[in-house]
PDB file of N, CA and C in Angstrom:
ATOM      1  N   MET A   1     114.201 -14.975 -98.672  1.00  0.00           N
ATOM      2  CA  MET A   1     114.457 -15.336-100.056  1.00  0.00           C
ATOM      3  C   MET A   1     114.906 -14.067-100.777  1.00  0.00           C
ATOM      4  N   ASP A   2     115.886 -14.219-101.638  1.00  0.00           N
ATOM      5  CA  ASP A   2     116.351 -13.066-102.413  1.00  0.00           C
ATOM      6  C   ASP A   2     115.497 -12.893-103.663  1.00  0.00           C
ATOM      7  N   LEU A   3     115.693 -11.786-104.363  1.00  0.00           N
ATOM      8  CA  LEU A   3     114.892 -11.461-105.533  1.00  0.00           C
ATOM      9  C   LEU A   3     115.028 -12.511-106.624  1.00  0.00           C
ATOM     10  N   GLU A   4     116.250 -12.975-106.895  1.00  0.00           N
ATOM     11  CA  GLU A   4     116.456 -14.000-107.925  1.00  0.00           C
ATOM     12  C   GLU A   4     115.743 -15.298-107.549  1.00  0.00           C
ATOM     13  N   GLY A   5     115.840 -15.664-106.302  1.00  0.00           N
ATOM     14  CA  GLY A   5     115.164 -16.881-105.836  1.00  0.00           C
ATOM     15  C   GLY A   5     113.658 -16.765-105.965  1.00  0.00           C
ATOM     16  N   ALA A   6     113.126 -15.597-105.658  1.00  0.00           N
ATOM     17  CA  ALA A   6     111.687 -15.372-105.780  1.00  0.00           C
ATOM     18  C   ALA A   6     111.263 -15.449-107.244  1.00  0.00           C
ATOM     19  N   MET A   7     112.096 -14.906-108.150  1.00  0.00           N
ATOM     20  CA  MET A   7     111.787 -14.971-109.585  1.00  0.00           C
ATOM     21  C   MET A   7     111.828 -16.413-110.091  1.00  0.00           C
ATOM     22  N   ARG A   8     112.838 -17.181-109.648  1.00  0.00           N
ATOM     23  CA  ARG A   8     112.914 -18.597-110.051  1.00  0.00           C
ATOM     24  C   ARG A   8     111.686 -19.361-109.565  1.00  0.00           C
ATOM     25  N   ALA A   9     111.263 -19.061-108.341  1.00  0.00           N
ATOM     26  CA  ALA A   9     110.095 -19.735-107.783  1.00  0.00           C
ATOM     27  C   ALA A   9     108.838 -19.392-108.588  1.00  0.00           C
ATOM     28  N   LEU A  10     108.707 -18.115-108.990  1.00  0.00           N
ATOM     29  CA  LEU A  10     107.561 -17.713-109.789  1.00  0.00           C
ATOM     30  C   LEU A  10     107.577 -18.403-111.141  1.00  0.00           C
ATOM     31  N   ARG A  11     108.721 -18.418-111.823  1.00  0.00           N
ATOM     32  CA  ARG A  11     108.820 -19.075-113.133  1.00  0.00           C
ATOM     33  C   ARG A  11     108.500 -20.564-113.028  1.00  0.00           C
ATOM     34  N   ALA A  12     109.031 -21.203-112.010  1.00  0.00           N
ATOM     35  CA  ALA A  12     108.769 -22.636-111.826  1.00  0.00           C
ATOM     36  C   ALA A  12     107.275 -22.883-111.611  1.00  0.00           C
ATOM     37  N   ALA A  13     106.646 -22.018-110.811  1.00  0.00           N
ATOM     38  CA  ALA A  13     105.209 -22.165-110.565  1.00  0.00           C
ATOM     39  C   ALA A  13     104.419 -21.942-111.847  1.00  0.00           C
ATOM     40  N   GLU A  14     104.790 -20.933-112.623  1.00  0.00           N
ATOM     41  CA  GLU A  14     104.104 -20.647-113.883  1.00  0.00           C
ATOM     42  C   GLU A  14     104.285 -21.781-114.890  1.00  0.00           C
ATOM     43  N   GLU A  15     105.471 -22.355-114.936  1.00  0.00           N
ATOM     44  CA  GLU A  15     105.741 -23.459-115.860  1.00  0.00           C
ATOM     45  C   GLU A  15     104.976 -24.721-115.467  1.00  0.00           C
ATOM     46  N   ALA A  16     104.732 -24.894-114.189  1.00  0.00           N
ATOM     47  CA  ALA A  16     104.028 -26.083-113.716  1.00  0.00           C
ATOM     48  C   ALA A  16     102.513 -25.965-113.896  1.00  0.00           C
ATOM     49  N   LEU A  17     102.022 -24.753-114.086  1.00  0.00           N
ATOM     50  CA  LEU A  17     100.582 -24.533-114.158  1.00  0.00           C
ATOM     51  C   LEU A  17      99.900 -25.288-115.292  1.00  0.00           C
ATOM     52  N   PRO A  18     100.383 -25.250-116.541  1.00  0.00           N
ATOM     53  CA  PRO A  18      99.674 -25.989-117.610  1.00  0.00           C
ATOM     54  C   PRO A  18      99.560 -27.486-117.325  1.00  0.00           C
ATOM     55  N   GLN A  19     100.607 -28.073-116.793  1.00  0.00           N
ATOM     56  CA  GLN A  19     100.549 -29.502-116.472  1.00  0.00           C
ATOM     57  C   GLN A  19      99.522 -29.756-115.370  1.00  0.00           C
ATOM     58  N   ALA A  20      99.509 -28.889-114.366  1.00  0.00           N
ATOM     59  CA  ALA A  20      98.535 -29.053-113.288  1.00  0.00           C
ATOM     60  C   ALA A  20      97.113 -28.900-113.814  1.00  0.00           C
ATOM     61  N   GLU A  21      96.906 -27.948-114.727  1.00  0.00           N
ATOM     62  CA  GLU A  21      95.579 -27.758-115.305  1.00  0.00           C
ATOM     63  C   GLU A  21      95.164 -28.979-116.121  1.00  0.00           C
ATOM     64  N   GLU A  22      96.091 -29.553-116.874  1.00  0.00           N
ATOM     65  CA  GLU A  22      95.777 -30.752-117.664  1.00  0.00           C
ATOM     66  C   GLU A  22      95.463 -31.938-116.748  1.00  0.00           C
ATOM     67  N   GLN A  23      96.219 -32.082-115.672  1.00  0.00           N
ATOM     68  CA  GLN A  23      95.947 -33.166-114.723  1.00  0.00           C
ATOM     69  C   GLN A  23      94.573 -32.990-114.091  1.00  0.00           C
ATOM     70  N   ALA A  24      94.220 -31.752-113.759  1.00  0.00           N
ATOM     71  CA  ALA A  24      92.911 -31.483-113.168  1.00  0.00           C
ATOM     72  C   ALA A  24      91.801 -31.774-114.172  1.00  0.00           C
ATOM     73  N   ALA A  25      92.017 -31.388-115.425  1.00  0.00           N
ATOM     74  CA  ALA A  25      91.014 -31.650-116.465  1.00  0.00           C
ATOM     75  C   ALA A  25      90.841 -33.153-116.665  1.00  0.00           C
ATOM     76  N   HIS A  26      91.949 -33.880-116.670  1.00  0.00           N
ATOM     77  CA  HIS A  26      91.877 -35.343-116.820  1.00  0.00           C
ATOM     78  C   HIS A  26      91.118 -35.957-115.652  1.00  0.00           C
ATOM     79  N   ALA A  27      91.414 -35.496-114.447  1.00  0.00           N
ATOM     80  CA  ALA A  27      90.728 -36.014-113.259  1.00  0.00           C
ATOM     81  C   ALA A  27      89.232 -35.714-113.345  1.00  0.00           C
ATOM     82  N   ALA A  28      88.885 -34.509-113.803  1.00  0.00           N
ATOM     83  CA  ALA A  28      87.474 -34.146-113.929  1.00  0.00           C
ATOM     84  C   ALA A  28      86.781 -35.030-114.962  1.00  0.00           C
ATOM     85  N   ARG A  29      87.458 -35.301-116.084  1.00  0.00           N
ATOM     86  CA  ARG A  29      86.866 -36.177-117.099  1.00  0.00           C
ATOM     87  C   ARG A  29      86.636 -37.575-116.531  1.00  0.00           C
ATOM     88  N   GLN A  30      87.582 -38.059-115.748  1.00  0.00           N
ATOM     89  CA  GLN A  30      87.454 -39.389-115.159  1.00  0.00           C
ATOM     90  C   GLN A  30      86.317 -39.428-114.145  1.00  0.00           C
ATOM     91  N   ILE A  31      86.196 -38.381-113.346  1.00  0.00           N
ATOM     92  CA  ILE A  31      85.110 -38.313-112.365  1.00  0.00           C
ATOM     93  C   ILE A  31      83.760 -38.325-113.070  1.00  0.00           C
ATOM     94  N   LYS A  32      83.642 -37.543-114.162  1.00  0.00           N
ATOM     95  CA  LYS A  32      82.390 -37.512-114.921  1.00  0.00           C
ATOM     96  C   LYS A  32      82.094 -38.865-115.550  1.00  0.00           C
ATOM     97  N   ALA A  33      83.104 -39.508-116.115  1.00  0.00           N
ATOM     98  CA  ALA A  33      82.902 -40.821-116.729  1.00  0.00           C
ATOM     99  C   ALA A  33      82.455 -41.835-115.683  1.00  0.00           C
ATOM    100  N   ASP A  34      83.081 -41.800-114.513  1.00  0.00           N
ATOM    101  CA  ASP A  34      82.684 -42.715-113.438  1.00  0.00           C
ATOM    102  C   ASP A  34      81.236 -42.465-113.020  1.00  0.00           C
ATOM    103  N   ALA A  35      80.856 -41.190-112.918  1.00  0.00           N
ATOM    104  CA  ALA A  35      79.485 -40.857-112.528  1.00  0.00           C
ATOM    105  C   ALA A  35      78.501 -41.339-113.593  1.00  0.00           C
ATOM    106  N   ARG A  36      78.839 -41.140-114.876  1.00  0.00           N
ATOM    107  CA  ARG A  36      77.960 -41.621-115.948  1.00  0.00           C
ATOM    108  C   ARG A  36      77.801 -43.132-115.883  1.00  0.00           C
ATOM    109  N   ASN A  37      78.899 -43.843-115.618  1.00  0.00           N
ATOM    110  CA  ASN A  37      78.834 -45.305-115.505  1.00  0.00           C
ATOM    111  C   ASN A  37      77.943 -45.731-114.349  1.00  0.00           C
ATOM    112  N   ARG A  38      78.039 -45.029-113.209  1.00  0.00           N
ATOM    113  CA  ARG A  38      77.185 -45.359-112.064  1.00  0.00           C
ATOM    114  C   ARG A  38      75.707 -45.142-112.410  1.00  0.00           C
ATOM    115  N   VAL A  39      75.425 -44.058-113.131  1.00  0.00           N
ATOM    116  CA  VAL A  39      74.044 -43.787-113.543  1.00  0.00           C
ATOM    117  C   VAL A  39      73.542 -44.897-114.456  1.00  0.00           C
ATOM    118  N   GLU A  40      74.344 -45.291-115.418  1.00  0.00           N
ATOM    119  CA  GLU A  40      73.929 -46.352-116.347  1.00  0.00           C
ATOM    120  C   GLU A  40      73.690 -47.672-115.624  1.00  0.00           C
ATOM    121  N   ARG A  41      74.569 -48.017-114.680  1.00  0.00           N
ATOM    122  CA  ARG A  41      74.371 -49.259-113.914  1.00  0.00           C
ATOM    123  C   ARG A  41      73.109 -49.185-113.069  1.00  0.00           C
ATOM    124  N   ALA A  42      72.881 -48.032-112.436  1.00  0.00           N
ATOM    125  CA  ALA A  42      71.690 -47.870-111.597  1.00  0.00           C
ATOM    126  C   ALA A  42      70.435 -47.937-112.454  1.00  0.00           C
ATOM    127  N   ARG A  43      70.475 -47.337-113.637  1.00  0.00           N
ATOM    128  CA  ARG A  43      69.320 -47.375-114.541  1.00  0.00           C
ATOM    129  C   ARG A  43      69.039 -48.813-114.975  1.00  0.00           C
ATOM    130  N   ALA A  44      70.090 -49.537-115.336  1.00  0.00           N
ATOM    131  CA  ALA A  44      69.921 -50.932-115.752  1.00  0.00           C
ATOM    132  C   ALA A  44      69.361 -51.763-114.597  1.00  0.00           C
ATOM    133  N   ASP A  45      69.837 -51.523-113.377  1.00  0.00           N
ATOM    134  CA  ASP A  45      69.313 -52.241-112.208  1.00  0.00           C
ATOM    135  C   ASP A  45      67.836 -51.924-111.999  1.00  0.00           C
ATOM    136  N   LEU A  46      67.478 -50.658-112.144  1.00  0.00           N
ATOM    137  CA  LEU A  46      66.078 -50.264-111.990  1.00  0.00           C
ATOM    138  C   LEU A  46      65.216 -50.965-113.038  1.00  0.00           C
ATOM    139  N   HIS A  47      65.671 -50.974-114.272  1.00  0.00           N
ATOM    140  CA  HIS A  47      64.886 -51.611-115.332  1.00  0.00           C
ATOM    141  C   HIS A  47      64.723 -53.110-115.072  1.00  0.00           C
ATOM    142  N   ARG A  48      65.803 -53.777-114.651  1.00  0.00           N
ATOM    143  CA  ARG A  48      65.692 -55.208-114.333  1.00  0.00           C
ATOM    144  C   ARG A  48      64.705 -55.433-113.189  1.00  0.00           C
ATOM    145  N   THR A  49      64.742 -54.558-112.201  1.00  0.00           N
ATOM    146  CA  THR A  49      63.837 -54.685-111.068  1.00  0.00           C
ATOM    147  C   THR A  49      62.394 -54.455-111.496  1.00  0.00           C
ATOM    148  N   MET A  50      62.178 -53.478-112.374  1.00  0.00           N
ATOM    149  CA  MET A  50      60.829 -53.232-112.882  1.00  0.00           C
ATOM    150  C   MET A  50      60.302 -54.447-113.626  1.00  0.00           C
ATOM    151  N   VAL A  51      61.121 -55.044-114.453  1.00  0.00           N
ATOM    152  CA  VAL A  51      60.716 -56.229-115.209  1.00  0.00           C
ATOM    153  C   VAL A  51      60.391 -57.371-114.243  1.00  0.00           C
ATOM    154  N   ALA A  52      61.251 -57.570-113.262  1.00  0.00           N
ATOM    155  CA  ALA A  52      61.018 -58.645-112.291  1.00  0.00           C
ATOM    156  C   ALA A  52      59.719 -58.409-111.529  1.00  0.00           C
ATOM    157  N   GLU A  53      59.467 -57.172-111.128  1.00  0.00           N
ATOM    158  CA  GLU A  53      58.228 -56.888-110.401  1.00  0.00           C
ATOM    159  C   GLU A  53      57.005 -57.087-111.291  1.00  0.00           C
ATOM    160  N   PHE A  54      57.103 -56.695-112.562  1.00  0.00           N
ATOM    161  CA  PHE A  54      55.982 -56.912-113.477  1.00  0.00           C
ATOM    162  C   PHE A  54      55.720 -58.399-113.629  1.00  0.00           C
ATOM    163  N   ARG A  55      56.772 -59.171-113.801  1.00  0.00           N
ATOM    164  CA  ARG A  55      56.605 -60.622-113.945  1.00  0.00           C
ATOM    165  C   ARG A  55      56.057 -61.263-112.680  1.00  0.00           C
ATOM    166  N   ALA A  56      56.322 -60.620-111.534  1.00  0.00           N
ATOM    167  CA  ALA A  56      55.822 -61.146-110.253  1.00  0.00           C
ATOM    168  C   ALA A  56      54.402 -60.678-109.963  1.00  0.00           C
ATOM    169  N   GLY A  57      53.834 -59.897-110.890  1.00  0.00           N
ATOM    170  CA  GLY A  57      52.438 -59.518-110.720  1.00  0.00           C
ATOM    171  C   GLY A  57      52.165 -58.033-110.557  1.00  0.00           C
ATOM    172  N   ALA A  58      53.174 -57.214-110.495  1.00  0.00           N
ATOM    173  CA  ALA A  58      52.936 -55.772-110.391  1.00  0.00           C
ATOM    174  C   ALA A  58      52.268 -55.289-111.676  1.00  0.00           C
ATOM    175  N   ARG A  59      51.391 -54.333-111.523  1.00  0.00           N
ATOM    176  CA  ARG A  59      50.717 -53.769-112.697  1.00  0.00           C
ATOM    177  C   ARG A  59      51.550 -52.619-113.262  1.00  0.00           C
ATOM    178  N   GLN A  60      51.362 -52.394-114.546  1.00  0.00           N
ATOM    179  CA  GLN A  60      52.098 -51.323-115.208  1.00  0.00           C
ATOM    180  C   GLN A  60      51.804 -49.976-114.535  1.00  0.00           C
ATOM    181  N   VAL A  61      50.563 -49.724-114.197  1.00  0.00           N
ATOM    182  CA  VAL A  61      50.183 -48.463-113.561  1.00  0.00           C
ATOM    183  C   VAL A  61      50.920 -48.279-112.231  1.00  0.00           C
ATOM    184  N   ASP A  62      51.154 -49.383-111.507  1.00  0.00           N
ATOM    185  CA  ASP A  62      51.897 -49.298-110.251  1.00  0.00           C
ATOM    186  C   ASP A  62      53.354 -48.930-110.501  1.00  0.00           C
ATOM    187  N   LEU A  63      53.932 -49.494-111.563  1.00  0.00           N
ATOM    188  CA  LEU A  63      55.316 -49.157-111.909  1.00  0.00           C
ATOM    189  C   LEU A  63      55.430 -47.687-112.300  1.00  0.00           C
ATOM    190  N   VAL A  64      54.426 -47.179-113.001  1.00  0.00           N
ATOM    191  CA  VAL A  64      54.401 -45.761-113.380  1.00  0.00           C
ATOM    192  C   VAL A  64      54.397 -44.895-112.128  1.00  0.00           C
ATOM    193  N   LYS A  65      53.512 -45.220-111.192  1.00  0.00           N
ATOM    194  CA  LYS A  65      53.404 -44.428-109.960  1.00  0.00           C
ATOM    195  C   LYS A  65      54.676 -44.489-109.132  1.00  0.00           C
ATOM    196  N   ARG A  66      55.243 -45.655-109.014  1.00  0.00           N
ATOM    197  CA  ARG A  66      56.400 -45.833-108.137  1.00  0.00           C
ATOM    198  C   ARG A  66      57.692 -45.273-108.715  1.00  0.00           C
ATOM    199  N   THR A  67      57.818 -45.277-110.036  1.00  0.00           N
ATOM    200  CA  THR A  67      59.065 -44.805-110.648  1.00  0.00           C
ATOM    201  C   THR A  67      59.001 -43.353-111.101  1.00  0.00           C
ATOM    202  N   GLY A  68      57.791 -42.879-111.376  1.00  0.00           N
ATOM    203  CA  GLY A  68      57.663 -41.549-111.937  1.00  0.00           C
ATOM    204  C   GLY A  68      57.863 -41.525-113.445  1.00  0.00           C
ATOM    205  N   TYR A  69      58.098 -42.697-114.036  1.00  0.00           N
ATOM    206  CA  TYR A  69      58.223 -42.800-115.485  1.00  0.00           C
ATOM    207  C   TYR A  69      56.836 -42.695-116.109  1.00  0.00           C
ATOM    208  N   SER A  70      56.791 -42.278-117.354  1.00  0.00           N
ATOM    209  CA  SER A  70      55.517 -42.237-118.072  1.00  0.00           C
ATOM    210  C   SER A  70      55.082 -43.665-118.408  1.00  0.00           C
ATOM    211  N   ARG A  71      53.807 -43.810-118.755  1.00  0.00           N
ATOM    212  CA  ARG A  71      53.314 -45.136-119.172  1.00  0.00           C
ATOM    213  C   ARG A  71      54.095 -45.636-120.369  1.00  0.00           C
ATOM    214  N   GLU A  72      54.368 -44.728-121.299  1.00  0.00           N
ATOM    215  CA  GLU A  72      55.092 -45.132-122.503  1.00  0.00           C
ATOM    216  C   GLU A  72      56.509 -45.587-122.164  1.00  0.00           C
ATOM    217  N   ARG A  73      57.169 -44.901-121.250  1.00  0.00           N
ATOM    218  CA  ARG A  73      58.539 -45.300-120.886  1.00  0.00           C
ATOM    219  C   ARG A  73      58.526 -46.662-120.207  1.00  0.00           C
ATOM    220  N   VAL A  74      57.582 -46.897-119.339  1.00  0.00           N
ATOM    221  CA  VAL A  74      57.468 -48.214-118.693  1.00  0.00           C
ATOM    222  C   VAL A  74      57.217 -49.277-119.747  1.00  0.00           C
ATOM    223  N   ARG A  75      56.338 -48.968-120.694  1.00  0.00           N
ATOM    224  CA  ARG A  75      56.062 -49.911-121.784  1.00  0.00           C
ATOM    225  C   ARG A  75      57.326 -50.210-122.578  1.00  0.00           C
ATOM    226  N   GLN A  76      58.114 -49.172-122.874  1.00  0.00           N
ATOM    227  CA  GLN A  76      59.363 -49.359-123.631  1.00  0.00           C
ATOM    228  C   GLN A  76      60.330 -50.279-122.877  1.00  0.00           C
ATOM    229  N   ILE A  77      60.435 -50.067-121.586  1.00  0.00           N
ATOM    230  CA  ILE A  77      61.344 -50.876-120.762  1.00  0.00           C
ATOM    231  C   ILE A  77      60.881 -52.335-120.756  1.00  0.00           C
ATOM    232  N   LEU A  78      59.599 -52.541-120.599  1.00  0.00           N
ATOM    233  CA  LEU A  78      59.070 -53.907-120.588  1.00  0.00           C
ATOM    234  C   LEU A  78      59.219 -54.561-121.945  1.00  0.00           C
ATOM    235  N   ARG A  79      58.948 -53.810-123.017  1.00  0.00           N
ATOM    236  CA  ARG A  79      59.121 -54.357-124.369  1.00  0.00           C
ATOM    237  C   ARG A  79      60.564 -54.758-124.615  1.00  0.00           C
ATOM    238  N   ALA A  80      61.497 -53.952-124.152  1.00  0.00           N
ATOM    239  CA  ALA A  80      62.916 -54.266-124.337  1.00  0.00           C
ATOM    240  C   ALA A  80      63.282 -55.578-123.663  1.00  0.00           C
ATOM    241  N   ALA A  81      62.496 -55.962-122.652  1.00  0.00           N
ATOM    242  CA  ALA A  81      62.721 -57.222-121.956  1.00  0.00           C
ATOM    243  C   ALA A  81      61.885 -58.355-122.552  1.00  0.00           C
ATOM    244  N   GLY A  82      61.187 -58.057-123.665  1.00  0.00           N
ATOM    245  CA  GLY A  82      60.394 -59.094-124.315  1.00  0.00           C
ATOM    246  C   GLY A  82      58.985 -59.220-123.782  1.00  0.00           C
ATOM    247  N   ILE A  83      58.519 -58.223-123.063  1.00  0.00           N
ATOM    248  CA  ILE A  83      57.178 -58.265-122.487  1.00  0.00           C
ATOM    249  C   ILE A  83      56.298 -57.261-123.222  1.00  0.00           C
ATOM    250  N   GLU A  84      55.160 -57.712-123.700  1.00  0.00           N
ATOM    251  CA  GLU A  84      54.190 -56.821-124.328  1.00  0.00           C
ATOM    252  C   GLU A  84      53.151 -56.462-123.269  1.00  0.00           C
ATOM    253  N   ALA A  85      53.332 -55.316-122.646  1.00  0.00           N
ATOM    254  CA  ALA A  85      52.409 -54.885-121.597  1.00  0.00           C
ATOM    255  C   ALA A  85      51.311 -54.027-122.203  1.00  0.00           C
ATOM    256  N   ASP A  86      50.188 -53.936-121.509  1.00  0.00           N
ATOM    257  CA  ASP A  86      49.068 -53.111-121.977  1.00  0.00           C
ATOM    258  C   ASP A  86      49.366 -51.650-121.678  1.00  0.00           C
TER     259      ASP A  86
END
């Protein structure tokens, strides 16, 4: 490659960099949004499962032990489902 060709290649690479950085940033934002959505779905599934287990006879203390949630958090989840737990 001659000097002019090398300079053109460098300029082209430098000019393409901002677009590549923006594409990478957009991809990163999308990856984070997808991960947040997966967390929210998993949390909602866990809460539904906790409610179902409580209705099937599980005790609140058992849900606390199995989930690692505090008693108050378990109570909040059950209340949100219309259950007044002790």
